[in-house]
């Protein structure tokens, strides 16, 4: 369905709907636009692991592309700890200096900056 037609129809009917219903409809549309997380092969996992290890060892900033459940997100960070047992990495954001962690399985790509 064309988004223009869907939006036009939404404008027509949302004035008759409760705000909770409008939010539920928006959530359903967001789920329709969801991008499925791809399955990476062994070579891609090795490359990601190598880049993360190098970033940690050499204290290099990286840009991590990860799947956030609906779509892809990119974040520029410094890797501070690799936890292979729990399959997590701990990082510090380059701009906000906040600590964050990623599940290794959600990481799609890593670029050393």
PDB file of N, CA and C in Angstrom:
ATOM      1  N   UNK A   1       0.839  -1.173   0.000  1.00  0.00           N
ATOM      2  CA  UNK A   1       0.000   0.000   0.000  1.00  0.00           C
ATOM      3  C   UNK A   1       0.889   1.241   0.000  1.00  0.00           C
ATOM      4  N   UNK A   2       0.505   2.221  -0.763  1.00  0.00           N
ATOM      5  CA  UNK A   2       1.239   3.477  -0.864  1.00  0.00           C
ATOM      6  C   UNK A   2       1.098   4.261   0.440  1.00  0.00           C
ATOM      7  N   UNK A   3       2.214   4.782   0.961  1.00  0.00           N
ATOM      8  CA  UNK A   3       2.189   5.525   2.222  1.00  0.00           C
ATOM      9  C   UNK A   3       1.321   6.776   2.147  1.00  0.00           C
ATOM     10  N   UNK A   4       1.277   7.402   0.967  1.00  0.00           N
ATOM     11  CA  UNK A   4       0.434   8.595   0.829  1.00  0.00           C
ATOM     12  C   UNK A   4      -1.023   8.254   1.092  1.00  0.00           C
ATOM     13  N   UNK A   5      -1.479   7.166   0.502  1.00  0.00           N
ATOM     14  CA  UNK A   5      -2.874   6.782   0.708  1.00  0.00           C
ATOM     15  C   UNK A   5      -3.125   6.391   2.156  1.00  0.00           C
ATOM     16  N   UNK A   6      -2.197   5.706   2.750  1.00  0.00           N
ATOM     17  CA  UNK A   6      -2.360   5.292   4.143  1.00  0.00           C
ATOM     18  C   UNK A   6      -2.385   6.531   5.039  1.00  0.00           C
ATOM     19  N   UNK A   7      -1.489   7.482   4.793  1.00  0.00           N
ATOM     20  CA  UNK A   7      -1.463   8.709   5.593  1.00  0.00           C
ATOM     21  C   UNK A   7      -2.734   9.529   5.405  1.00  0.00           C
ATOM     22  N   UNK A   8      -3.211   9.587   4.172  1.00  0.00           N
ATOM     23  CA  UNK A   8      -4.429  10.341   3.905  1.00  0.00           C
ATOM     24  C   UNK A   8      -5.608   9.726   4.637  1.00  0.00           C
ATOM     25  N   UNK A   9      -5.663   8.415   4.606  1.00  0.00           N
ATOM     26  CA  UNK A   9      -6.723   7.720   5.321  1.00  0.00           C
ATOM     27  C   UNK A   9      -6.602   7.921   6.821  1.00  0.00           C
ATOM     28  N   UNK A  10      -5.379   7.975   7.300  1.00  0.00           N
ATOM     29  CA  UNK A  10      -5.150   8.203   8.722  1.00  0.00           C
ATOM     30  C   UNK A  10      -5.653   9.578   9.119  1.00  0.00           C
ATOM     31  N   UNK A  11      -5.330  10.571   8.300  1.00  0.00           N
ATOM     32  CA  UNK A  11      -5.787  11.929   8.604  1.00  0.00           C
ATOM     33  C   UNK A  11      -7.302  11.997   8.658  1.00  0.00           C
ATOM     34  N   UNK A  12      -7.949  11.253   7.799  1.00  0.00           N
ATOM     35  CA  UNK A  12      -9.408  11.268   7.739  1.00  0.00           C
ATOM     36  C   UNK A  12     -10.015  10.658   8.995  1.00  0.00           C
ATOM     37  N   UNK A  13      -9.436   9.557   9.490  1.00  0.00           N
ATOM     38  CA  UNK A  13     -10.058   8.803  10.574  1.00  0.00           C
ATOM     39  C   UNK A  13      -9.501   9.107  11.955  1.00  0.00           C
ATOM     40  N   UNK A  14      -8.314   9.659  12.048  1.00  0.00           N
ATOM     41  CA  UNK A  14      -7.732   9.857  13.379  1.00  0.00           C
ATOM     42  C   UNK A  14      -8.506  10.866  14.212  1.00  0.00           C
ATOM     43  N   UNK A  15      -9.214  11.775  13.600  1.00  0.00           N
ATOM     44  CA  UNK A  15      -9.994  12.729  14.383  1.00  0.00           C
ATOM     45  C   UNK A  15     -11.134  12.029  15.120  1.00  0.00           C
ATOM     46  N   UNK A  16     -11.530  10.856  14.658  1.00  0.00           N
ATOM     47  CA  UNK A  16     -12.604  10.107  15.300  1.00  0.00           C
ATOM     48  C   UNK A  16     -12.085   9.046  16.271  1.00  0.00           C
ATOM     49  N   UNK A  17     -10.769   8.904  16.380  1.00  0.00           N
ATOM     50  CA  UNK A  17     -10.183   7.855  17.203  1.00  0.00           C
ATOM     51  C   UNK A  17      -9.631   8.415  18.502  1.00  0.00           C
ATOM     52  N   UNK A  18      -9.542   7.536  19.496  1.00  0.00           N
ATOM     53  CA  UNK A  18      -8.893   7.898  20.747  1.00  0.00           C
ATOM     54  C   UNK A  18      -7.376   7.922  20.530  1.00  0.00           C
ATOM     55  N   UNK A  19      -6.645   8.741  21.261  1.00  0.00           N
ATOM     56  CA  UNK A  19      -5.182   8.801  21.095  1.00  0.00           C
ATOM     57  C   UNK A  19      -4.507   7.438  21.271  1.00  0.00           C
ATOM     58  N   UNK A  20      -5.038   6.602  22.164  1.00  0.00           N
ATOM     59  CA  UNK A  20      -4.456   5.268  22.366  1.00  0.00           C
ATOM     60  C   UNK A  20      -4.568   4.424  21.097  1.00  0.00           C
ATOM     61  N   UNK A  21      -5.685   4.567  20.395  1.00  0.00           N
ATOM     62  CA  UNK A  21      -5.881   3.810  19.161  1.00  0.00           C
ATOM     63  C   UNK A  21      -4.937   4.291  18.065  1.00  0.00           C
ATOM     64  N   UNK A  22      -4.737   5.593  18.000  1.00  0.00           N
ATOM     65  CA  UNK A  22      -3.821   6.152  17.012  1.00  0.00           C
ATOM     66  C   UNK A  22      -2.413   5.614  17.260  1.00  0.00           C
ATOM     67  N   UNK A  23      -1.975   5.567  18.536  1.00  0.00           N
ATOM     68  CA  UNK A  23      -0.651   5.039  18.862  1.00  0.00           C
ATOM     69  C   UNK A  23      -0.537   3.566  18.502  1.00  0.00           C
ATOM     70  N   UNK A  24      -1.594   2.795  18.738  1.00  0.00           N
ATOM     71  CA  UNK A  24      -1.568   1.374  18.394  1.00  0.00           C
ATOM     72  C   UNK A  24      -1.427   1.187  16.884  1.00  0.00           C
ATOM     73  N   UNK A  25      -2.120   1.995  16.103  1.00  0.00           N
ATOM     74  CA  UNK A  25      -2.030   1.904  14.639  1.00  0.00           C
ATOM     75  C   UNK A  25      -0.625   2.266  14.176  1.00  0.00           C
ATOM     76  N   UNK A  26      -0.030   3.308  14.760  1.00  0.00           N
ATOM     77  CA  UNK A  26       1.338   3.685  14.399  1.00  0.00           C
ATOM     78  C   UNK A  26       2.315   2.558  14.718  1.00  0.00           C
ATOM     79  N   UNK A  27       2.114   1.870  15.838  1.00  0.00           N
ATOM     80  CA  UNK A  27       2.981   0.764  16.219  1.00  0.00           C
ATOM     81  C   UNK A  27       2.863  -0.386  15.218  1.00  0.00           C
ATOM     82  N   UNK A  28       1.641  -0.683  14.770  1.00  0.00           N
ATOM     83  CA  UNK A  28       1.428  -1.747  13.776  1.00  0.00           C
ATOM     84  C   UNK A  28       2.141  -1.388  12.481  1.00  0.00           C
ATOM     85  N   UNK A  29       2.055  -0.128  12.049  1.00  0.00           N
ATOM     86  CA  UNK A  29       2.733   0.288  10.821  1.00  0.00           C
ATOM     87  C   UNK A  29       4.237   0.200  10.978  1.00  0.00           C
ATOM     88  N   UNK A  30       4.743   0.555  12.166  1.00  0.00           N
ATOM     89  CA  UNK A  30       6.182   0.475  12.402  1.00  0.00           C
ATOM     90  C   UNK A  30       6.651  -0.974  12.313  1.00  0.00           C
ATOM     91  N   UNK A  31       5.870  -1.900  12.839  1.00  0.00           N
ATOM     92  CA  UNK A  31       6.215  -3.310  12.762  1.00  0.00           C
ATOM     93  C   UNK A  31       6.191  -3.811  11.322  1.00  0.00           C
ATOM     94  N   UNK A  32       5.306  -3.257  10.492  1.00  0.00           N
ATOM     95  CA  UNK A  32       5.261  -3.622   9.078  1.00  0.00           C
ATOM     96  C   UNK A  32       6.549  -3.230   8.360  1.00  0.00           C
ATOM     97  N   UNK A  33       7.189  -2.161   8.807  1.00  0.00           N
ATOM     98  CA  UNK A  33       8.403  -1.657   8.165  1.00  0.00           C
ATOM     99  C   UNK A  33       9.672  -2.253   8.776  1.00  0.00           C
ATOM    100  N   UNK A  34       9.528  -3.220   9.654  1.00  0.00           N
ATOM    101  CA  UNK A  34      10.657  -3.845  10.345  1.00  0.00           C
ATOM    102  C   UNK A  34      11.601  -4.512   9.348  1.00  0.00           C
ATOM    103  N   UNK A  35      12.897  -4.353   9.584  1.00  0.00           N
ATOM    104  CA  UNK A  35      13.921  -5.003   8.779  1.00  0.00           C
ATOM    105  C   UNK A  35      14.433  -6.198   9.572  1.00  0.00           C
ATOM    106  N   UNK A  36      14.340  -7.360   8.982  1.00  0.00           N
ATOM    107  CA  UNK A  36      14.787  -8.573   9.651  1.00  0.00           C
ATOM    108  C   UNK A  36      16.303  -8.577   9.792  1.00  0.00           C
ATOM    109  N   UNK A  37      16.786  -9.105  10.905  1.00  0.00           N
ATOM    110  CA  UNK A  37      18.215  -9.202  11.139  1.00  0.00           C
ATOM    111  C   UNK A  37      18.783 -10.318  10.265  1.00  0.00           C
ATOM    112  N   UNK A  38      19.795 -10.013   9.449  1.00  0.00           N
ATOM    113  CA  UNK A  38      20.375 -11.051   8.593  1.00  0.00           C
ATOM    114  C   UNK A  38      21.242 -12.017   9.403  1.00  0.00           C
ATOM    115  N   UNK A  39      21.484 -13.170   8.832  1.00  0.00           N
ATOM    116  CA  UNK A  39      22.358 -14.161   9.449  1.00  0.00           C
ATOM    117  C   UNK A  39      23.729 -14.015   8.811  1.00  0.00           C
ATOM    118  N   UNK A  40      24.733 -13.744   9.647  1.00  0.00           N
ATOM    119  CA  UNK A  40      26.089 -13.564   9.142  1.00  0.00           C
ATOM    120  C   UNK A  40      26.793 -14.912   9.051  1.00  0.00           C
ATOM    121  N   UNK A  41      27.701 -15.026   8.088  1.00  0.00           N
ATOM    122  CA  UNK A  41      28.452 -16.279   7.957  1.00  0.00           C
ATOM    123  C   UNK A  41      29.703 -16.234   8.842  1.00  0.00           C
ATOM    124  N   UNK A  42      30.400 -17.348   8.915  1.00  0.00           N
ATOM    125  CA  UNK A  42      31.565 -17.495   9.790  1.00  0.00           C
ATOM    126  C   UNK A  42      32.655 -16.468   9.481  1.00  0.00           C
ATOM    127  N   UNK A  43      32.880 -16.184   8.204  1.00  0.00           N
ATOM    128  CA  UNK A  43      33.915 -15.227   7.816  1.00  0.00           C
ATOM    129  C   UNK A  43      33.563 -13.822   8.299  1.00  0.00           C
ATOM    130  N   UNK A  44      32.304 -13.442   8.203  1.00  0.00           N
ATOM    131  CA  UNK A  44      31.883 -12.123   8.674  1.00  0.00           C
ATOM    132  C   UNK A  44      32.067 -12.010  10.193  1.00  0.00           C
ATOM    133  N   UNK A  45      31.739 -13.088  10.937  1.00  0.00           N
ATOM    134  CA  UNK A  45      31.920 -13.080  12.395  1.00  0.00           C
ATOM    135  C   UNK A  45      33.388 -12.949  12.753  1.00  0.00           C
ATOM    136  N   UNK A  46      34.249 -13.646  12.021  1.00  0.00           N
ATOM    137  CA  UNK A  46      35.686 -13.562  12.286  1.00  0.00           C
ATOM    138  C   UNK A  46      36.207 -12.150  12.046  1.00  0.00           C
ATOM    139  N   UNK A  47      35.751 -11.527  10.976  1.00  0.00           N
ATOM    140  CA  UNK A  47      36.184 -10.168  10.655  1.00  0.00           C
ATOM    141  C   UNK A  47      35.723  -9.178  11.733  1.00  0.00           C
ATOM    142  N   UNK A  48      34.488  -9.314  12.174  1.00  0.00           N
ATOM    143  CA  UNK A  48      33.969  -8.450  13.240  1.00  0.00           C
ATOM    144  C   UNK A  48      34.782  -8.658  14.518  1.00  0.00           C
ATOM    145  N   UNK A  49      35.030  -9.911  14.877  1.00  0.00           N
ATOM    146  CA  UNK A  49      35.817 -10.211  16.072  1.00  0.00           C
ATOM    147  C   UNK A  49      37.222  -9.654  15.994  1.00  0.00           C
ATOM    148  N   UNK A  50      37.852  -9.778  14.830  1.00  0.00           N
ATOM    149  CA  UNK A  50      39.203  -9.239  14.635  1.00  0.00           C
ATOM    150  C   UNK A  50      39.216  -7.728  14.817  1.00  0.00           C
ATOM    151  N   UNK A  51      38.248  -7.034  14.211  1.00  0.00           N
ATOM    152  CA  UNK A  51      38.197  -5.567  14.313  1.00  0.00           C
ATOM    153  C   UNK A  51      37.947  -5.119  15.746  1.00  0.00           C
ATOM    154  N   UNK A  52      37.057  -5.822  16.453  1.00  0.00           N
ATOM    155  CA  UNK A  52      36.789  -5.462  17.847  1.00  0.00           C
ATOM    156  C   UNK A  52      38.026  -5.679  18.719  1.00  0.00           C
ATOM    157  N   UNK A  53      38.723  -6.785  18.499  1.00  0.00           N
ATOM    158  CA  UNK A  53      39.930  -7.077  19.273  1.00  0.00           C
ATOM    159  C   UNK A  53      41.020  -6.037  18.986  1.00  0.00           C
ATOM    160  N   UNK A  54      41.166  -5.673  17.729  1.00  0.00           N
ATOM    161  CA  UNK A  54      42.163  -4.656  17.362  1.00  0.00           C
ATOM    162  C   UNK A  54      41.809  -3.303  17.968  1.00  0.00           C
ATOM    163  N   UNK A  55      40.514  -2.954  17.932  1.00  0.00           N
ATOM    164  CA  UNK A  55      40.080  -1.683  18.507  1.00  0.00           C
ATOM    165  C   UNK A  55      40.363  -1.643  20.007  1.00  0.00           C
ATOM    166  N   UNK A  56      40.144  -2.756  20.688  1.00  0.00           N
ATOM    167  CA  UNK A  56      40.412  -2.816  22.123  1.00  0.00           C
ATOM    168  C   UNK A  56      41.911  -2.738  22.404  1.00  0.00           C
ATOM    169  N   UNK A  57      42.700  -3.528  21.696  1.00  0.00           N
ATOM    170  CA  UNK A  57      44.143  -3.595  21.917  1.00  0.00           C
ATOM    171  C   UNK A  57      44.833  -2.269  21.605  1.00  0.00           C
ATOM    172  N   UNK A  58      44.465  -1.640  20.478  1.00  0.00           N
ATOM    173  CA  UNK A  58      45.132  -0.412  20.037  1.00  0.00           C
ATOM    174  C   UNK A  58      44.399   0.859  20.463  1.00  0.00           C
ATOM    175  N   UNK A  59      43.318   0.704  21.254  1.00  0.00           N
ATOM    176  CA  UNK A  59      42.540   1.846  21.739  1.00  0.00           C
ATOM    177  C   UNK A  59      42.019   2.713  20.586  1.00  0.00           C
ATOM    178  N   UNK A  60      41.457   2.064  19.574  1.00  0.00           N
ATOM    179  CA  UNK A  60      40.961   2.753  18.389  1.00  0.00           C
ATOM    180  C   UNK A  60      39.446   2.946  18.461  1.00  0.00           C
ATOM    181  N   UNK A  61      38.943   4.091  18.007  1.00  0.00           N
ATOM    182  CA  UNK A  61      37.493   4.266  17.938  1.00  0.00           C
ATOM    183  C   UNK A  61      36.915   3.465  16.768  1.00  0.00           C
ATOM    184  N   UNK A  62      35.696   3.005  16.937  1.00  0.00           N
ATOM    185  CA  UNK A  62      35.016   2.239  15.891  1.00  0.00           C
ATOM    186  C   UNK A  62      33.598   2.748  15.715  1.00  0.00           C
ATOM    187  N   UNK A  63      33.051   2.453  14.553  1.00  0.00           N
ATOM    188  CA  UNK A  63      31.630   2.683  14.311  1.00  0.00           C
ATOM    189  C   UNK A  63      30.982   1.309  14.205  1.00  0.00           C
ATOM    190  N   UNK A  64      30.040   1.054  15.093  1.00  0.00           N
ATOM    191  CA  UNK A  64      29.364  -0.231  15.140  1.00  0.00           C
ATOM    192  C   UNK A  64      27.985  -0.093  14.534  1.00  0.00           C
ATOM    193  N   UNK A  65      27.692  -0.967  13.579  1.00  0.00           N
ATOM    194  CA  UNK A  65      26.345  -1.049  13.013  1.00  0.00           C
ATOM    195  C   UNK A  65      25.688  -2.256  13.667  1.00  0.00           C
ATOM    196  N   UNK A  66      24.545  -2.022  14.299  1.00  0.00           N
ATOM    197  CA  UNK A  66      23.857  -3.100  14.995  1.00  0.00           C
ATOM    198  C   UNK A  66      22.361  -3.073  14.682  1.00  0.00           C
ATOM    199  N   UNK A  67      21.736  -4.213  14.880  1.00  0.00           N
ATOM    200  CA  UNK A  67      20.297  -4.344  14.662  1.00  0.00           C
ATOM    201  C   UNK A  67      19.600  -4.052  15.984  1.00  0.00           C
ATOM    202  N   UNK A  68      18.698  -3.075  15.977  1.00  0.00           N
ATOM    203  CA  UNK A  68      18.061  -2.647  17.214  1.00  0.00           C
ATOM    204  C   UNK A  68      16.676  -3.257  17.433  1.00  0.00           C
ATOM    205  N   UNK A  69      16.341  -4.263  16.667  1.00  0.00           N
ATOM    206  CA  UNK A  69      15.037  -4.898  16.803  1.00  0.00           C
ATOM    207  C   UNK A  69      14.103  -4.556  15.657  1.00  0.00           C
ATOM    208  N   UNK A  70      14.240  -3.355  15.097  1.00  0.00           N
ATOM    209  CA  UNK A  70      13.402  -2.930  13.981  1.00  0.00           C
ATOM    210  C   UNK A  70      14.208  -2.556  12.754  1.00  0.00           C
ATOM    211  N   UNK A  71      15.389  -2.009  12.976  1.00  0.00           N
ATOM    212  CA  UNK A  71      16.165  -1.425  11.896  1.00  0.00           C
ATOM    213  C   UNK A  71      17.640  -1.470  12.297  1.00  0.00           C
ATOM    214  N   UNK A  72      18.488  -0.843  11.513  1.00  0.00           N
ATOM    215  CA  UNK A  72      19.901  -0.743  11.837  1.00  0.00           C
ATOM    216  C   UNK A  72      20.181   0.602  12.488  1.00  0.00           C
ATOM    217  N   UNK A  73      21.113   0.608  13.420  1.00  0.00           N
ATOM    218  CA  UNK A  73      21.596   1.840  14.036  1.00  0.00           C
ATOM    219  C   UNK A  73      23.116   1.822  13.987  1.00  0.00           C
ATOM    220  N   UNK A  74      23.708   2.997  13.959  1.00  0.00           N
ATOM    221  CA  UNK A  74      25.162   3.138  13.966  1.00  0.00           C
ATOM    222  C   UNK A  74      25.555   3.949  15.183  1.00  0.00           C
ATOM    223  N   UNK A  75      26.641   3.536  15.821  1.00  0.00           N
ATOM    224  CA  UNK A  75      27.124   4.268  16.980  1.00  0.00           C
ATOM    225  C   UNK A  75      28.648   4.282  16.970  1.00  0.00           C
ATOM    226  N   UNK A  76      29.222   5.451  17.234  1.00  0.00           N
ATOM    227  CA  UNK A  76      30.676   5.598  17.299  1.00  0.00           C
ATOM    228  C   UNK A  76      31.094   5.479  18.754  1.00  0.00           C
ATOM    229  N   UNK A  77      31.982   4.507  19.014  1.00  0.00           N
ATOM    230  CA  UNK A  77      32.363   4.175  20.389  1.00  0.00           C
ATOM    231  C   UNK A  77      33.833   3.785  20.473  1.00  0.00           C
ATOM    232  N   UNK A  78      34.316   3.667  21.712  1.00  0.00           N
ATOM    233  CA  UNK A  78      35.608   3.041  22.007  1.00  0.00           C
ATOM    234  C   UNK A  78      35.302   1.775  22.795  1.00  0.00           C
ATOM    235  N   UNK A  79      35.878   0.676  22.371  1.00  0.00           N
ATOM    236  CA  UNK A  79      35.667  -0.607  23.033  1.00  0.00           C
ATOM    237  C   UNK A  79      36.529  -0.643  24.294  1.00  0.00           C
ATOM    238  N   UNK A  80      35.906  -0.964  25.444  1.00  0.00           N
ATOM    239  CA  UNK A  80      36.658  -1.022  26.695  1.00  0.00           C
ATOM    240  C   UNK A  80      36.749  -2.434  27.263  1.00  0.00           C
ATOM    241  N   UNK A  81      35.860  -3.328  26.823  1.00  0.00           N
ATOM    242  CA  UNK A  81      35.904  -4.699  27.341  1.00  0.00           C
ATOM    243  C   UNK A  81      35.166  -5.641  26.395  1.00  0.00           C
ATOM    244  N   UNK A  82      35.780  -6.790  26.134  1.00  0.00           N
ATOM    245  CA  UNK A  82      35.136  -7.853  25.367  1.00  0.00           C
ATOM    246  C   UNK A  82      34.827  -8.991  26.326  1.00  0.00           C
ATOM    247  N   UNK A  83      33.580  -9.441  26.330  1.00  0.00           N
ATOM    248  CA  UNK A  83      33.146 -10.523  27.208  1.00  0.00           C
ATOM    249  C   UNK A  83      32.655 -11.688  26.349  1.00  0.00           C
ATOM    250  N   UNK A  84      33.582 -12.572  25.910  1.00  0.00           N
ATOM    251  CA  UNK A  84      33.177 -13.652  25.006  1.00  0.00           C
ATOM    252  C   UNK A  84      32.245 -14.671  25.660  1.00  0.00           C
ATOM    253  N   UNK A  85      32.329 -14.830  26.975  1.00  0.00           N
ATOM    254  CA  UNK A  85      31.478 -15.798  27.653  1.00  0.00           C
ATOM    255  C   UNK A  85      30.004 -15.396  27.582  1.00  0.00           C
ATOM    256  N   UNK A  86      29.714 -14.117  27.801  1.00  0.00           N
ATOM    257  CA  UNK A  86      28.337 -13.617  27.726  1.00  0.00           C
ATOM    258  C   UNK A  86      28.007 -13.022  26.360  1.00  0.00           C
ATOM    259  N   UNK A  87      28.983 -13.045  25.440  1.00  0.00           N
ATOM    260  CA  UNK A  87      28.822 -12.510  24.081  1.00  0.00           C
ATOM    261  C   UNK A  87      28.373 -11.048  24.099  1.00  0.00           C
ATOM    262  N   UNK A  88      29.090 -10.234  24.908  1.00  0.00           N
ATOM    263  CA  UNK A  88      28.808  -8.805  25.001  1.00  0.00           C
ATOM    264  C   UNK A  88      30.099  -8.028  24.848  1.00  0.00           C
ATOM    265  N   UNK A  89      29.964  -6.797  24.393  1.00  0.00           N
ATOM    266  CA  UNK A  89      31.098  -5.874  24.408  1.00  0.00           C
ATOM    267  C   UNK A  89      30.658  -4.617  25.157  1.00  0.00           C
ATOM    268  N   UNK A  90      31.571  -4.049  25.921  1.00  0.00           N
ATOM    269  CA  UNK A  90      31.286  -2.822  26.652  1.00  0.00           C
ATOM    270  C   UNK A  90      32.064  -1.698  25.998  1.00  0.00           C
ATOM    271  N   UNK A  91      31.397  -0.555  25.863  1.00  0.00           N
ATOM    272  CA  UNK A  91      31.972   0.572  25.127  1.00  0.00           C
ATOM    273  C   UNK A  91      31.674   1.879  25.841  1.00  0.00           C
ATOM    274  N   UNK A  92      32.372   2.919  25.382  1.00  0.00           N
ATOM    275  CA  UNK A  92      32.097   4.295  25.796  1.00  0.00           C
ATOM    276  C   UNK A  92      31.804   5.085  24.527  1.00  0.00           C
ATOM    277  N   UNK A  93      30.693   5.811  24.519  1.00  0.00           N
ATOM    278  CA  UNK A  93      30.327   6.631  23.374  1.00  0.00           C
ATOM    279  C   UNK A  93      31.335   7.738  23.138  1.00  0.00           C
ATOM    280  N   UNK A  94      31.640   8.017  21.882  1.00  0.00           N
ATOM    281  CA  UNK A  94      32.624   9.057  21.570  1.00  0.00           C
ATOM    282  C   UNK A  94      32.090  10.452  21.857  1.00  0.00           C
ATOM    283  N   UNK A  95      30.810  10.678  21.601  1.00  0.00           N
ATOM    284  CA  UNK A  95      30.273  12.022  21.779  1.00  0.00           C
ATOM    285  C   UNK A  95      29.706  12.241  23.172  1.00  0.00           C
ATOM    286  N   UNK A  96      28.933  11.302  23.677  1.00  0.00           N
ATOM    287  CA  UNK A  96      28.265  11.513  24.962  1.00  0.00           C
ATOM    288  C   UNK A  96      29.026  10.944  26.156  1.00  0.00           C
ATOM    289  N   UNK A  97      30.093  10.166  25.897  1.00  0.00           N
ATOM    290  CA  UNK A  97      30.936   9.562  26.935  1.00  0.00           C
ATOM    291  C   UNK A  97      30.158   8.642  27.876  1.00  0.00           C
ATOM    292  N   UNK A  98      29.002   8.149  27.439  1.00  0.00           N
ATOM    293  CA  UNK A  98      28.208   7.229  28.246  1.00  0.00           C
ATOM    294  C   UNK A  98      28.645   5.798  27.997  1.00  0.00           C
ATOM    295  N   UNK A  99      28.598   4.996  29.037  1.00  0.00           N
ATOM    296  CA  UNK A  99      28.919   3.574  28.910  1.00  0.00           C
ATOM    297  C   UNK A  99      27.725   2.857  28.292  1.00  0.00           C
ATOM    298  N   UNK A 100      28.010   1.964  27.383  1.00  0.00           N
ATOM    299  CA  UNK A 100      26.961   1.187  26.730  1.00  0.00           C
ATOM    300  C   UNK A 100      27.501  -0.209  26.447  1.00  0.00           C
ATOM    301  N   UNK A 101      26.612  -1.137  26.206  1.00  0.00           N
ATOM    302  CA  UNK A 101      27.053  -2.481  25.853  1.00  0.00           C
ATOM    303  C   UNK A 101      26.211  -2.990  24.691  1.00  0.00           C
ATOM    304  N   UNK A 102      26.776  -3.910  23.944  1.00  0.00           N
ATOM    305  CA  UNK A 102      26.117  -4.500  22.784  1.00  0.00           C
ATOM    306  C   UNK A 102      26.177  -6.014  22.891  1.00  0.00           C
ATOM    307  N   UNK A 103      25.120  -6.663  22.488  1.00  0.00           N
ATOM    308  CA  UNK A 103      25.151  -8.105  22.300  1.00  0.00           C
ATOM    309  C   UNK A 103      25.905  -8.357  21.000  1.00  0.00           C
ATOM    310  N   UNK A 104      26.854  -9.254  21.023  1.00  0.00           N
ATOM    311  CA  UNK A 104      27.640  -9.542  19.829  1.00  0.00           C
ATOM    312  C   UNK A 104      26.724 -10.005  18.690  1.00  0.00           C
ATOM    313  N   UNK A 105      25.681 -10.749  19.018  1.00  0.00           N
ATOM    314  CA  UNK A 105      24.783 -11.270  17.991  1.00  0.00           C
ATOM    315  C   UNK A 105      24.009 -10.176  17.257  1.00  0.00           C
ATOM    316  N   UNK A 106      23.893  -8.987  17.857  1.00  0.00           N
ATOM    317  CA  UNK A 106      23.177  -7.878  17.216  1.00  0.00           C
ATOM    318  C   UNK A 106      24.080  -7.046  16.313  1.00  0.00           C
ATOM    319  N   UNK A 107      25.391  -7.225  16.419  1.00  0.00           N
ATOM    320  CA  UNK A 107      26.334  -6.436  15.630  1.00  0.00           C
ATOM    321  C   UNK A 107      26.369  -6.966  14.198  1.00  0.00           C
ATOM    322  N   UNK A 108      26.195  -6.079  13.254  1.00  0.00           N
ATOM    323  CA  UNK A 108      26.188  -6.441  11.844  1.00  0.00           C
ATOM    324  C   UNK A 108      27.494  -6.089  11.150  1.00  0.00           C
ATOM    325  N   UNK A 109      28.170  -5.027  11.638  1.00  0.00           N
ATOM    326  CA  UNK A 109      29.415  -4.603  11.016  1.00  0.00           C
ATOM    327  C   UNK A 109      30.176  -3.683  11.954  1.00  0.00           C
ATOM    328  N   UNK A 110      31.488  -3.623  11.788  1.00  0.00           N
ATOM    329  CA  UNK A 110      32.346  -2.757  12.579  1.00  0.00           C
ATOM    330  C   UNK A 110      33.328  -2.084  11.625  1.00  0.00           C
ATOM    331  N   UNK A 111      33.483  -0.771  11.753  1.00  0.00           N
ATOM    332  CA  UNK A 111      34.457  -0.013  10.964  1.00  0.00           C
ATOM    333  C   UNK A 111      35.372   0.721  11.928  1.00  0.00           C
ATOM    334  N   UNK A 112      36.667   0.536  11.758  1.00  0.00           N
ATOM    335  CA  UNK A 112      37.630   1.269  12.555  1.00  0.00           C
ATOM    336  C   UNK A 112      37.727   2.675  11.977  1.00  0.00           C
ATOM    337  N   UNK A 113      37.591   3.656  12.834  1.00  0.00           N
ATOM    338  CA  UNK A 113      37.571   5.055  12.381  1.00  0.00           C
ATOM    339  C   UNK A 113      38.978   5.603  12.350  1.00  0.00           C
TER     340      UNK A 113
END
